[in-house]
């Protein structure tokens, strides 16, 4: 039986904050528009988008124009602007699950994950990282005392589903990296750690679409339009019936539309978990029934 866990899975760029790659480049004086034009041209030459942008970053690094190192990432992490009060909102959502009288009995746990095509090291350096139970992103090799000189992994559109299945099967964050073939392990429904119906996915655009049809049981495939973007992508996705809720403004503060929907969805999923667990419990005989057995 799945554990009493609700997994809230976020995209990162333009869902929780700005486009981190563009921010990182701007901070070092790189022409962002030219950078993405070059990446677009490479995609037209059949490069996968994450490999294209990482390759361009490495080329800039070789020319001495871009510092890709742990030190450089650490230097810029405090400058990234997030959706207002996102860290506090995540804490409040966990408290909501712990204190809600309808969820306390089942001891529901709320877990947060990020699955992004952006740089994992950069996301891990941000102030929201400590609130996450798992962070999955694209990776450049990051030696401690040297600049990066090659990429090691990339998360493309469909690659996001691999990590969703990792969460479902209960594969640890480190194990999914060190033993990638474990994702193909066959498990029965009752062996799932977090069923799709116990997941809430929040994204902002086309790169998140593959998660939806591959996970039709997911509780909510919810798109938000952060203050860093517009509603255009969200409405396009809604018209194409690629989302189940939204779009909403990326505002997680208490009382906002996004927050109300999140809390209502968490409550609904939590009650479903509670009902399913009770359904699978075989109660012991009542004392009134036992006296007939004794006789």
C-alpha atoms as a PDB file:
ATOM      1  CA  UNK A   1       0.000   0.000   0.000  1.00  0.00           C
ATOM      2  CA  UNK A   2       1.241   3.507  -0.825  1.00  0.00           C
ATOM      3  CA  UNK A   3       2.507   5.560   2.113  1.00  0.00           C
ATOM      4  CA  UNK A   4       0.350   8.441   3.443  1.00  0.00           C
ATOM      5  CA  UNK A   5       2.369  10.958   1.408  1.00  0.00           C
ATOM      6  CA  UNK A   6       1.225  13.765  -0.887  1.00  0.00           C
ATOM      7  CA  UNK A   7       3.997  14.767  -3.309  1.00  0.00           C
ATOM      8  CA  UNK A   8       3.854  18.316  -4.674  1.00  0.00           C
ATOM      9  CA  UNK A   9       6.152  18.463  -7.704  1.00  0.00           C
ATOM     10  CA  UNK A  10       7.295  21.795  -9.115  1.00  0.00           C
ATOM     11  CA  UNK A  11       8.936  22.840 -12.315  1.00  0.00           C
ATOM     12  CA  UNK A  12      11.401  25.602 -11.397  1.00  0.00           C
ATOM     13  CA  UNK A  13      12.067  28.305 -13.997  1.00  0.00           C
ATOM     14  CA  UNK A  14       9.060  30.662 -14.224  1.00  0.00           C
ATOM     15  CA  UNK A  15       7.122  28.474 -11.775  1.00  0.00           C
ATOM     16  CA  UNK A  16       8.970  29.240  -8.529  1.00  0.00           C
ATOM     17  CA  UNK A  17      11.291  31.925  -9.843  1.00  0.00           C
ATOM     18  CA  UNK A  18      12.802  33.503 -12.958  1.00  0.00           C
ATOM     19  CA  UNK A  19      14.680  31.687 -15.724  1.00  0.00           C
ATOM     20  CA  UNK A  20      17.798  30.827 -13.719  1.00  0.00           C
ATOM     21  CA  UNK A  21      20.032  30.226 -16.756  1.00  0.00           C
ATOM     22  CA  UNK A  22      19.246  33.676 -18.174  1.00  0.00           C
ATOM     23  CA  UNK A  23      19.819  35.192 -14.733  1.00  0.00           C
ATOM     24  CA  UNK A  24      23.189  33.422 -14.345  1.00  0.00           C
ATOM     25  CA  UNK A  25      24.315  34.602 -17.788  1.00  0.00           C
ATOM     26  CA  UNK A  26      23.163  38.202 -17.266  1.00  0.00           C
ATOM     27  CA  UNK A  27      25.063  38.416 -13.998  1.00  0.00           C
ATOM     28  CA  UNK A  28      28.261  37.719 -15.952  1.00  0.00           C
ATOM     29  CA  UNK A  29      27.544  40.150 -18.774  1.00  0.00           C
ATOM     30  CA  UNK A  30      26.466  37.626 -21.413  1.00  0.00           C
ATOM     31  CA  UNK A  31      24.049  38.773 -24.114  1.00  0.00           C
ATOM     32  CA  UNK A  32      21.078  36.588 -23.196  1.00  0.00           C
ATOM     33  CA  UNK A  33      19.089  37.202 -26.380  1.00  0.00           C
ATOM     34  CA  UNK A  34      22.074  36.193 -28.533  1.00  0.00           C
ATOM     35  CA  UNK A  35      22.686  33.137 -26.329  1.00  0.00           C
ATOM     36  CA  UNK A  36      19.136  31.814 -26.768  1.00  0.00           C
ATOM     37  CA  UNK A  37      19.159  32.609 -30.494  1.00  0.00           C
ATOM     38  CA  UNK A  38      22.248  30.391 -30.823  1.00  0.00           C
ATOM     39  CA  UNK A  39      20.550  27.671 -28.768  1.00  0.00           C
ATOM     40  CA  UNK A  40      17.448  27.874 -30.972  1.00  0.00           C
ATOM     41  CA  UNK A  41      19.630  27.472 -34.057  1.00  0.00           C
ATOM     42  CA  UNK A  42      21.251  24.365 -32.549  1.00  0.00           C
ATOM     43  CA  UNK A  43      17.810  22.892 -31.769  1.00  0.00           C
ATOM     44  CA  UNK A  44      16.998  23.401 -35.451  1.00  0.00           C
ATOM     45  CA  UNK A  45      20.078  21.260 -36.145  1.00  0.00           C
ATOM     46  CA  UNK A  46      18.519  18.471 -34.007  1.00  0.00           C
ATOM     47  CA  UNK A  47      20.172  19.180 -30.671  1.00  0.00           C
ATOM     48  CA  UNK A  48      18.116  18.375 -27.571  1.00  0.00           C
ATOM     49  CA  UNK A  49      17.371  21.743 -25.830  1.00  0.00           C
ATOM     50  CA  UNK A  50      19.184  21.019 -22.512  1.00  0.00           C
ATOM     51  CA  UNK A  51      22.302  19.742 -24.309  1.00  0.00           C
ATOM     52  CA  UNK A  52      22.212  22.777 -26.609  1.00  0.00           C
ATOM     53  CA  UNK A  53      22.179  25.365 -23.817  1.00  0.00           C
ATOM     54  CA  UNK A  54      24.769  23.481 -21.730  1.00  0.00           C
ATOM     55  CA  UNK A  55      27.058  23.154 -24.760  1.00  0.00           C
ATOM     56  CA  UNK A  56      26.806  26.907 -25.365  1.00  0.00           C
ATOM     57  CA  UNK A  57      27.628  27.599 -21.711  1.00  0.00           C
ATOM     58  CA  UNK A  58      30.706  25.372 -21.916  1.00  0.00           C
ATOM     59  CA  UNK A  59      31.829  27.115 -25.111  1.00  0.00           C
ATOM     60  CA  UNK A  60      31.554  30.508 -23.384  1.00  0.00           C
ATOM     61  CA  UNK A  61      33.512  29.079 -20.462  1.00  0.00           C
ATOM     62  CA  UNK A  62      36.316  27.882 -22.757  1.00  0.00           C
ATOM     63  CA  UNK A  63      36.556  31.405 -24.181  1.00  0.00           C
ATOM     64  CA  UNK A  64      36.898  32.790 -20.648  1.00  0.00           C
ATOM     65  CA  UNK A  65      33.592  34.676 -20.882  1.00  0.00           C
ATOM     66  CA  UNK A  66      31.626  32.608 -18.364  1.00  0.00           C
ATOM     67  CA  UNK A  67      32.657  31.303 -14.963  1.00  0.00           C
ATOM     68  CA  UNK A  68      30.889  27.983 -14.360  1.00  0.00           C
ATOM     69  CA  UNK A  69      32.097  26.919 -10.932  1.00  0.00           C
ATOM     70  CA  UNK A  70      30.661  26.210  -7.498  1.00  0.00           C
ATOM     71  CA  UNK A  71      32.141  29.498  -6.307  1.00  0.00           C
ATOM     72  CA  UNK A  72      30.436  31.446  -9.092  1.00  0.00           C
ATOM     73  CA  UNK A  73      27.088  29.767  -8.447  1.00  0.00           C
ATOM     74  CA  UNK A  74      27.372  30.414  -4.710  1.00  0.00           C
ATOM     75  CA  UNK A  75      28.152  34.060  -5.377  1.00  0.00           C
ATOM     76  CA  UNK A  76      24.937  34.600  -7.328  1.00  0.00           C
ATOM     77  CA  UNK A  77      22.450  32.493  -5.349  1.00  0.00           C
ATOM     78  CA  UNK A  78      21.327  35.275  -2.992  1.00  0.00           C
ATOM     79  CA  UNK A  79      20.497  37.563  -5.927  1.00  0.00           C
ATOM     80  CA  UNK A  80      17.821  35.313  -7.460  1.00  0.00           C
ATOM     81  CA  UNK A  81      14.332  36.794  -7.013  1.00  0.00           C
ATOM     82  CA  UNK A  82      11.611  34.300  -6.138  1.00  0.00           C
ATOM     83  CA  UNK A  83       7.845  34.429  -5.986  1.00  0.00           C
ATOM     84  CA  UNK A  84       7.127  36.476  -2.817  1.00  0.00           C
ATOM     85  CA  UNK A  85       7.194  34.482   0.441  1.00  0.00           C
ATOM     86  CA  UNK A  86       7.531  31.115  -1.326  1.00  0.00           C
ATOM     87  CA  UNK A  87       9.671  29.617   1.470  1.00  0.00           C
ATOM     88  CA  UNK A  88       7.193  30.700   4.145  1.00  0.00           C
ATOM     89  CA  UNK A  89       4.298  29.388   2.059  1.00  0.00           C
ATOM     90  CA  UNK A  90       5.891  25.937   1.806  1.00  0.00           C
ATOM     91  CA  UNK A  91       6.286  25.828   5.593  1.00  0.00           C
ATOM     92  CA  UNK A  92       2.662  26.917   6.048  1.00  0.00           C
ATOM     93  CA  UNK A  93       1.429  24.170   3.700  1.00  0.00           C
ATOM     94  CA  UNK A  94       3.290  21.552   5.758  1.00  0.00           C
ATOM     95  CA  UNK A  95       1.740  22.992   8.926  1.00  0.00           C
ATOM     96  CA  UNK A  96      -1.685  22.896   7.264  1.00  0.00           C
ATOM     97  CA  UNK A  97      -1.334  19.129   6.778  1.00  0.00           C
ATOM     98  CA  UNK A  98      -0.090  18.594  10.344  1.00  0.00           C
ATOM     99  CA  UNK A  99      -2.827  20.647  12.003  1.00  0.00           C
ATOM    100  CA  UNK A 100      -5.889  19.990   9.819  1.00  0.00           C
ATOM    101  CA  UNK A 101      -8.211  17.913  11.994  1.00  0.00           C
ATOM    102  CA  UNK A 102      -9.351  15.796   9.028  1.00  0.00           C
ATOM    103  CA  UNK A 103      -5.786  14.873   8.052  1.00  0.00           C
ATOM    104  CA  UNK A 104      -4.090  14.502  11.466  1.00  0.00           C
ATOM    105  CA  UNK A 105      -5.547  11.049  12.140  1.00  0.00           C
ATOM    106  CA  UNK A 106      -3.955   9.522   9.024  1.00  0.00           C
ATOM    107  CA  UNK A 107      -0.662  11.363   9.695  1.00  0.00           C
ATOM    108  CA  UNK A 108      -0.417  12.616   6.113  1.00  0.00           C
ATOM    109  CA  UNK A 109       3.039  13.872   5.121  1.00  0.00           C
ATOM    110  CA  UNK A 110       3.592  16.582   2.518  1.00  0.00           C
ATOM    111  CA  UNK A 111       6.720  16.309   0.371  1.00  0.00           C
ATOM    112  CA  UNK A 112       8.060  18.837  -2.136  1.00  0.00           C
ATOM    113  CA  UNK A 113      10.123  18.076  -5.238  1.00  0.00           C
ATOM    114  CA  UNK A 114      11.618  20.057  -8.121  1.00  0.00           C
ATOM    115  CA  UNK A 115      12.048  18.506 -11.574  1.00  0.00           C
ATOM    116  CA  UNK A 116      13.605  20.981 -13.982  1.00  0.00           C
ATOM    117  CA  UNK A 117      15.527  21.182 -17.228  1.00  0.00           C
ATOM    118  CA  UNK A 118      17.608  23.939 -15.593  1.00  0.00           C
ATOM    119  CA  UNK A 119      20.938  23.461 -13.825  1.00  0.00           C
ATOM    120  CA  UNK A 120      20.563  21.296 -10.714  1.00  0.00           C
ATOM    121  CA  UNK A 121      23.586  22.851  -8.977  1.00  0.00           C
ATOM    122  CA  UNK A 122      22.141  26.338  -9.426  1.00  0.00           C
ATOM    123  CA  UNK A 123      18.718  25.288  -8.106  1.00  0.00           C
ATOM    124  CA  UNK A 124      20.325  23.541  -5.118  1.00  0.00           C
ATOM    125  CA  UNK A 125      22.099  26.788  -4.222  1.00  0.00           C
ATOM    126  CA  UNK A 126      18.835  28.742  -3.874  1.00  0.00           C
ATOM    127  CA  UNK A 127      16.917  29.524  -0.703  1.00  0.00           C
ATOM    128  CA  UNK A 128      14.045  27.134  -1.561  1.00  0.00           C
ATOM    129  CA  UNK A 129      16.359  24.093  -1.773  1.00  0.00           C
ATOM    130  CA  UNK A 130      16.273  23.287   1.989  1.00  0.00           C
ATOM    131  CA  UNK A 131      12.480  22.895   1.796  1.00  0.00           C
ATOM    132  CA  UNK A 132      12.674  20.246  -0.935  1.00  0.00           C
ATOM    133  CA  UNK A 133      12.700  16.469  -0.444  1.00  0.00           C
ATOM    134  CA  UNK A 134      14.336  16.004  -3.838  1.00  0.00           C
ATOM    135  CA  UNK A 135      15.764  18.177  -6.631  1.00  0.00           C
ATOM    136  CA  UNK A 136      16.349  16.845 -10.142  1.00  0.00           C
ATOM    137  CA  UNK A 137      17.891  18.980 -12.878  1.00  0.00           C
ATOM    138  CA  UNK A 138      20.451  18.974 -15.675  1.00  0.00           C
ATOM    139  CA  UNK A 139      24.064  18.649 -14.576  1.00  0.00           C
ATOM    140  CA  UNK A 140      27.434  20.001 -15.598  1.00  0.00           C
ATOM    141  CA  UNK A 141      30.499  18.405 -14.021  1.00  0.00           C
ATOM    142  CA  UNK A 142      31.347  20.695 -11.104  1.00  0.00           C
ATOM    143  CA  UNK A 143      34.880  20.132  -9.736  1.00  0.00           C
ATOM    144  CA  UNK A 144      35.420  21.971  -6.458  1.00  0.00           C
ATOM    145  CA  UNK A 145      38.498  23.936  -7.547  1.00  0.00           C
ATOM    146  CA  UNK A 146      37.993  24.082 -11.298  1.00  0.00           C
ATOM    147  CA  UNK A 147      35.443  25.349 -13.769  1.00  0.00           C
ATOM    148  CA  UNK A 148      33.081  22.875 -15.416  1.00  0.00           C
ATOM    149  CA  UNK A 149      34.284  21.359 -18.681  1.00  0.00           C
ATOM    150  CA  UNK A 150      31.546  18.853 -19.621  1.00  0.00           C
ATOM    151  CA  UNK A 151      27.926  17.916 -18.974  1.00  0.00           C
ATOM    152  CA  UNK A 152      26.914  14.699 -17.224  1.00  0.00           C
ATOM    153  CA  UNK A 153      23.098  14.571 -17.476  1.00  0.00           C
ATOM    154  CA  UNK A 154      20.180  16.456 -18.976  1.00  0.00           C
ATOM    155  CA  UNK A 155      16.467  16.593 -18.273  1.00  0.00           C
ATOM    156  CA  UNK A 156      14.437  17.053 -21.427  1.00  0.00           C
ATOM    157  CA  UNK A 157      10.640  17.119 -21.766  1.00  0.00           C
ATOM    158  CA  UNK A 158      10.024  13.370 -21.505  1.00  0.00           C
ATOM    159  CA  UNK A 159      12.941  12.823 -19.126  1.00  0.00           C
ATOM    160  CA  UNK A 160      10.857  14.534 -16.426  1.00  0.00           C
ATOM    161  CA  UNK A 161       8.589  11.475 -16.329  1.00  0.00           C
ATOM    162  CA  UNK A 162      11.557   9.313 -15.250  1.00  0.00           C
ATOM    163  CA  UNK A 163      11.856  11.204 -11.995  1.00  0.00           C
ATOM    164  CA  UNK A 164       8.097  11.224 -11.446  1.00  0.00           C
ATOM    165  CA  UNK A 165       8.226   7.419 -11.690  1.00  0.00           C
ATOM    166  CA  UNK A 166      11.201   7.435  -9.311  1.00  0.00           C
ATOM    167  CA  UNK A 167       9.082   9.254  -6.728  1.00  0.00           C
ATOM    168  CA  UNK A 168       6.229   6.803  -7.351  1.00  0.00           C
ATOM    169  CA  UNK A 169       8.469   3.766  -6.833  1.00  0.00           C
ATOM    170  CA  UNK A 170      10.251   5.185  -3.791  1.00  0.00           C
ATOM    171  CA  UNK A 171      13.725   5.251  -5.360  1.00  0.00           C
ATOM    172  CA  UNK A 172      15.951   7.563  -3.327  1.00  0.00           C
ATOM    173  CA  UNK A 173      17.353  10.767  -4.831  1.00  0.00           C
ATOM    174  CA  UNK A 174      20.923   9.421  -4.809  1.00  0.00           C
ATOM    175  CA  UNK A 175      19.967   5.941  -6.034  1.00  0.00           C
ATOM    176  CA  UNK A 176      18.100   7.245  -9.075  1.00  0.00           C
ATOM    177  CA  UNK A 177      21.370   8.877 -10.155  1.00  0.00           C
ATOM    178  CA  UNK A 178      23.807   6.112  -9.223  1.00  0.00           C
ATOM    179  CA  UNK A 179      21.582   3.226 -10.364  1.00  0.00           C
ATOM    180  CA  UNK A 180      19.525   4.736 -13.228  1.00  0.00           C
ATOM    181  CA  UNK A 181      18.294   1.346 -14.474  1.00  0.00           C
ATOM    182  CA  UNK A 182      16.300   0.870 -11.258  1.00  0.00           C
ATOM    183  CA  UNK A 183      13.644   3.105 -12.792  1.00  0.00           C
ATOM    184  CA  UNK A 184      12.698   0.132 -14.997  1.00  0.00           C
ATOM    185  CA  UNK A 185      12.052  -2.174 -12.028  1.00  0.00           C
ATOM    186  CA  UNK A 186       8.576  -3.675 -12.286  1.00  0.00           C
ATOM    187  CA  UNK A 187       6.493  -3.187  -9.146  1.00  0.00           C
ATOM    188  CA  UNK A 188       2.884  -3.985  -8.310  1.00  0.00           C
ATOM    189  CA  UNK A 189       0.383  -1.289  -7.377  1.00  0.00           C
ATOM    190  CA  UNK A 190       0.571  -2.147  -3.683  1.00  0.00           C
ATOM    191  CA  UNK A 191       4.372  -1.655  -3.728  1.00  0.00           C
ATOM    192  CA  UNK A 192       4.169   1.995  -4.819  1.00  0.00           C
ATOM    193  CA  UNK A 193       5.459   4.494  -2.276  1.00  0.00           C
ATOM    194  CA  UNK A 194       3.498   7.450  -3.714  1.00  0.00           C
ATOM    195  CA  UNK A 195       0.726   6.659  -6.204  1.00  0.00           C
ATOM    196  CA  UNK A 196       0.067   9.041  -9.094  1.00  0.00           C
ATOM    197  CA  UNK A 197      -3.238   9.915  -7.450  1.00  0.00           C
ATOM    198  CA  UNK A 198      -1.203  11.299  -4.522  1.00  0.00           C
ATOM    199  CA  UNK A 199       0.822  13.692  -6.704  1.00  0.00           C
ATOM    200  CA  UNK A 200       0.214  17.334  -7.589  1.00  0.00           C
ATOM    201  CA  UNK A 201       2.279  18.736 -10.464  1.00  0.00           C
ATOM    202  CA  UNK A 202       2.810  22.467 -11.009  1.00  0.00           C
ATOM    203  CA  UNK A 203       4.451  23.778 -14.162  1.00  0.00           C
ATOM    204  CA  UNK A 204       4.235  26.706 -16.523  1.00  0.00           C
ATOM    205  CA  UNK A 205       4.728  25.630 -20.120  1.00  0.00           C
ATOM    206  CA  UNK A 206       5.205  23.113 -22.951  1.00  0.00           C
ATOM    207  CA  UNK A 207       8.208  21.354 -21.386  1.00  0.00           C
ATOM    208  CA  UNK A 208       5.874  20.089 -18.653  1.00  0.00           C
ATOM    209  CA  UNK A 209       3.289  18.577 -21.015  1.00  0.00           C
ATOM    210  CA  UNK A 210       4.796  15.034 -21.213  1.00  0.00           C
ATOM    211  CA  UNK A 211       4.258  14.578 -17.475  1.00  0.00           C
ATOM    212  CA  UNK A 212       0.476  14.900 -17.957  1.00  0.00           C
ATOM    213  CA  UNK A 213      -0.521  12.216 -20.474  1.00  0.00           C
ATOM    214  CA  UNK A 214       2.001   9.777 -19.025  1.00  0.00           C
ATOM    215  CA  UNK A 215       0.431  10.264 -15.569  1.00  0.00           C
ATOM    216  CA  UNK A 216      -3.344  10.371 -16.191  1.00  0.00           C
ATOM    217  CA  UNK A 217      -4.135   9.375 -12.598  1.00  0.00           C
ATOM    218  CA  UNK A 218      -2.221  12.363 -11.171  1.00  0.00           C
ATOM    219  CA  UNK A 219      -4.371  14.253  -8.679  1.00  0.00           C
ATOM    220  CA  UNK A 220      -3.834  17.636 -10.353  1.00  0.00           C
ATOM    221  CA  UNK A 221      -1.720  18.677 -13.305  1.00  0.00           C
ATOM    222  CA  UNK A 222      -1.758  22.325 -12.340  1.00  0.00           C
ATOM    223  CA  UNK A 223      -0.136  25.150 -14.331  1.00  0.00           C
ATOM    224  CA  UNK A 224       0.627  28.521 -12.794  1.00  0.00           C
ATOM    225  CA  UNK A 225       1.790  31.651 -14.543  1.00  0.00           C
ATOM    226  CA  UNK A 226       4.433  33.227 -12.347  1.00  0.00           C
ATOM    227  CA  UNK A 227       4.913  37.006 -12.058  1.00  0.00           C
ATOM    228  CA  UNK A 228       8.000  36.497 -14.236  1.00  0.00           C
ATOM    229  CA  UNK A 229       5.917  35.480 -17.270  1.00  0.00           C
ATOM    230  CA  UNK A 230       2.394  35.902 -18.627  1.00  0.00           C
ATOM    231  CA  UNK A 231      -0.794  33.861 -18.814  1.00  0.00           C
ATOM    232  CA  UNK A 232      -0.293  33.199 -22.527  1.00  0.00           C
ATOM    233  CA  UNK A 233       1.336  29.758 -22.158  1.00  0.00           C
ATOM    234  CA  UNK A 234      -1.158  28.743 -19.481  1.00  0.00           C
ATOM    235  CA  UNK A 235      -4.177  29.618 -21.609  1.00  0.00           C
ATOM    236  CA  UNK A 236      -2.702  27.818 -24.620  1.00  0.00           C
ATOM    237  CA  UNK A 237      -2.265  24.696 -22.485  1.00  0.00           C
ATOM    238  CA  UNK A 238      -5.793  25.039 -21.089  1.00  0.00           C
ATOM    239  CA  UNK A 239      -7.294  25.321 -24.581  1.00  0.00           C
ATOM    240  CA  UNK A 240      -5.451  22.162 -25.570  1.00  0.00           C
ATOM    241  CA  UNK A 241      -6.818  20.386 -22.455  1.00  0.00           C
ATOM    242  CA  UNK A 242      -3.263  19.696 -21.292  1.00  0.00           C
ATOM    243  CA  UNK A 243      -3.989  20.831 -17.742  1.00  0.00           C
ATOM    244  CA  UNK A 244      -6.623  19.969 -15.163  1.00  0.00           C
ATOM    245  CA  UNK A 245      -6.569  23.194 -13.103  1.00  0.00           C
ATOM    246  CA  UNK A 246      -5.666  26.793 -13.850  1.00  0.00           C
ATOM    247  CA  UNK A 247      -3.851  28.736 -15.015  1.00  0.00           C
ATOM    248  CA  UNK A 248      -3.349  30.839 -11.890  1.00  0.00           C
ATOM    249  CA  UNK A 249      -1.007  33.666 -11.004  1.00  0.00           C
ATOM    250  CA  UNK A 250       2.099  32.301  -9.280  1.00  0.00           C
ATOM    251  CA  UNK A 251       1.114  33.543  -5.834  1.00  0.00           C
ATOM    252  CA  UNK A 252       1.337  31.015  -2.995  1.00  0.00           C
ATOM    253  CA  UNK A 253       0.430  33.444  -0.201  1.00  0.00           C
ATOM    254  CA  UNK A 254      -2.443  32.538   2.111  1.00  0.00           C
ATOM    255  CA  UNK A 255      -5.772  33.668   0.635  1.00  0.00           C
ATOM    256  CA  UNK A 256      -4.579  33.715  -2.995  1.00  0.00           C
ATOM    257  CA  UNK A 257      -6.428  31.685  -5.650  1.00  0.00           C
ATOM    258  CA  UNK A 258      -3.388  29.425  -6.150  1.00  0.00           C
ATOM    259  CA  UNK A 259      -3.058  28.792  -2.410  1.00  0.00           C
ATOM    260  CA  UNK A 260      -6.792  28.025  -2.005  1.00  0.00           C
ATOM    261  CA  UNK A 261      -6.697  25.507  -4.849  1.00  0.00           C
ATOM    262  CA  UNK A 262      -3.547  23.886  -3.431  1.00  0.00           C
ATOM    263  CA  UNK A 263      -5.037  23.559   0.056  1.00  0.00           C
ATOM    264  CA  UNK A 264      -8.353  22.211  -1.285  1.00  0.00           C
ATOM    265  CA  UNK A 265      -6.510  19.686  -3.472  1.00  0.00           C
ATOM    266  CA  UNK A 266      -4.232  18.605  -0.627  1.00  0.00           C
ATOM    267  CA  UNK A 267      -7.308  18.117   1.591  1.00  0.00           C
ATOM    268  CA  UNK A 268      -9.133  16.103  -1.100  1.00  0.00           C
ATOM    269  CA  UNK A 269      -6.120  13.869  -1.788  1.00  0.00           C
ATOM    270  CA  UNK A 270      -5.490  13.450   1.940  1.00  0.00           C
ATOM    271  CA  UNK A 271      -9.071  12.354   2.585  1.00  0.00           C
ATOM    272  CA  UNK A 272      -8.858   9.876  -0.299  1.00  0.00           C
ATOM    273  CA  UNK A 273      -5.652   8.426   1.191  1.00  0.00           C
ATOM    274  CA  UNK A 274      -7.360   8.146   4.589  1.00  0.00           C
ATOM    275  CA  UNK A 275     -10.439   6.438   3.113  1.00  0.00           C
ATOM    276  CA  UNK A 276      -8.330   3.964   1.117  1.00  0.00           C
ATOM    277  CA  UNK A 277      -6.252   3.032   4.150  1.00  0.00           C
ATOM    278  CA  UNK A 278      -9.342   2.453   6.288  1.00  0.00           C
ATOM    279  CA  UNK A 279     -10.844   0.316   3.534  1.00  0.00           C
ATOM    280  CA  UNK A 280      -7.823  -1.985   3.709  1.00  0.00           C
ATOM    281  CA  UNK A 281      -7.929  -2.412   7.481  1.00  0.00           C
ATOM    282  CA  UNK A 282      -9.626  -5.558   8.833  1.00  0.00           C
ATOM    283  CA  UNK A 283     -10.977  -4.514  12.212  1.00  0.00           C
ATOM    284  CA  UNK A 284     -10.649  -6.790  15.228  1.00  0.00           C
ATOM    285  CA  UNK A 285     -13.849  -8.361  16.620  1.00  0.00           C
ATOM    286  CA  UNK A 286     -15.885  -6.192  18.971  1.00  0.00           C
ATOM    287  CA  UNK A 287     -16.128  -7.212  22.675  1.00  0.00           C
ATOM    288  CA  UNK A 288     -19.847  -8.067  22.166  1.00  0.00           C
ATOM    289  CA  UNK A 289     -18.887 -10.546  19.427  1.00  0.00           C
ATOM    290  CA  UNK A 290     -16.070 -12.058  21.515  1.00  0.00           C
ATOM    291  CA  UNK A 291     -18.379 -13.203  24.340  1.00  0.00           C
ATOM    292  CA  UNK A 292     -20.117 -15.594  21.923  1.00  0.00           C
ATOM    293  CA  UNK A 293     -16.746 -17.062  20.942  1.00  0.00           C
ATOM    294  CA  UNK A 294     -15.822 -17.559  24.599  1.00  0.00           C
ATOM    295  CA  UNK A 295     -19.045 -19.473  25.209  1.00  0.00           C
END
